[in-house]
Protein backbone atom coordinates (compact mmCIF):
# COMPACT_ATOMS: atom_id res chain seq x y z
CA MET A 1 111.75 136.93 51.66
CA SER A 2 112.91 135.39 55.00
CA LYS A 3 112.07 131.79 56.31
CA ALA A 4 109.60 131.39 58.77
CA GLN A 5 111.18 130.40 61.77
CA ILE A 6 110.15 127.31 64.10
CA GLU A 7 110.54 129.05 67.56
CA THR A 8 110.61 126.66 70.27
CA HIS A 9 110.23 127.48 73.64
CA LYS A 10 110.29 125.55 76.97
CA SER A 11 108.74 126.81 79.27
CA SER A 12 106.29 124.85 78.31
CA ARG A 13 107.25 121.99 80.28
CA ALA A 14 107.04 123.73 83.62
CA GLY A 15 103.64 122.68 83.67
CA TRP A 16 104.22 119.88 85.42
CA LEU A 17 105.66 120.69 88.41
CA ARG A 18 103.78 123.69 88.30
CA ALA A 19 100.73 121.16 88.67
CA ALA A 20 102.85 118.97 91.60
CA VAL A 21 103.20 121.59 93.56
CA LEU A 22 99.80 122.66 93.69
CA GLY A 23 99.11 119.04 93.96
CA ALA A 24 100.89 117.79 96.55
CA ASN A 25 99.57 120.96 98.73
CA ASP A 26 96.17 120.44 97.79
CA GLY A 27 96.90 116.07 98.58
CA THR A 28 98.37 116.26 102.01
CA LEU A 29 96.31 119.71 103.21
CA SER A 30 93.08 117.99 102.74
CA THR A 31 94.10 114.57 103.73
CA ALA A 32 95.00 115.52 106.82
CA SER A 33 91.68 117.06 107.33
CA LEU A 34 90.58 114.25 106.56
CA VAL A 35 92.54 112.00 108.90
CA VAL A 36 92.34 114.60 111.62
CA GLY A 37 87.68 115.04 111.06
CA VAL A 38 88.10 110.84 111.10
CA THR A 39 90.55 111.14 114.87
CA ALA A 40 88.08 112.84 116.15
CA ALA A 41 84.78 111.22 116.01
CA GLY A 42 86.93 108.56 117.60
CA ALA A 43 87.01 105.54 114.92
CA ALA A 44 89.67 103.51 115.54
CA GLN A 45 93.98 103.51 114.16
CA LYS A 46 93.05 100.62 111.05
CA ASN A 47 90.28 102.43 110.21
CA ILE A 48 91.62 106.28 110.75
CA LEU A 49 94.26 104.52 108.22
CA LEU A 50 91.82 102.93 106.42
CA ALA A 51 90.74 106.69 105.62
CA GLY A 52 94.27 107.82 105.01
CA VAL A 53 95.46 105.79 102.96
CA ALA A 54 91.99 106.09 100.56
CA SER A 55 91.94 109.84 101.01
CA LEU A 56 95.98 109.84 99.17
CA VAL A 57 94.24 107.36 96.32
CA ALA A 58 91.03 109.03 95.89
CA GLY A 59 93.28 112.39 96.15
CA ALA A 60 95.71 111.86 93.42
CA MET A 61 93.65 110.21 90.76
CA SER A 62 90.97 112.75 90.93
CA MET A 63 94.34 115.51 90.51
CA ALA A 64 95.33 113.09 87.98
CA ALA A 65 92.80 113.50 85.68
CA GLY A 66 92.02 117.01 85.91
CA GLU A 67 95.63 117.88 85.09
CA TYR A 68 95.45 115.40 82.01
CA VAL A 69 92.50 117.54 80.84
CA SER A 70 94.04 120.71 81.76
CA VAL A 71 97.01 120.23 80.07
CA GLN A 72 94.80 118.98 77.00
CA SER A 73 93.06 121.87 76.64
CA GLN A 74 96.16 124.37 77.09
CA ALA A 75 98.21 122.26 74.76
CA GLY A 76 95.09 122.18 72.26
CA VAL A 77 94.73 126.29 72.95
CA GLU A 78 98.50 126.82 72.32
CA ARG A 79 98.31 125.16 69.04
CA ALA A 80 95.40 126.81 67.74
CA ALA A 81 97.20 130.39 68.54
CA THR A 82 100.62 128.89 67.16
CA ALA A 83 97.97 128.15 63.96
């Protein structure tokens, strides 16, 4: 009998890149859409800037929490599959 080999794969490390690209695209589009909407409503420049910054912060927190849950779930599935 041969000893069991432990396989290591580097493809699992690429998940953060996919998440960063998708998150950046989503954040850019949603923030730009919000800023355009606030601008079209005739808001003052200060309020437009405030809405844009608030959108960036809220979007970043939302994406970070969602991605954390997603990565942890995927890691659990992979651990169960290899066990």
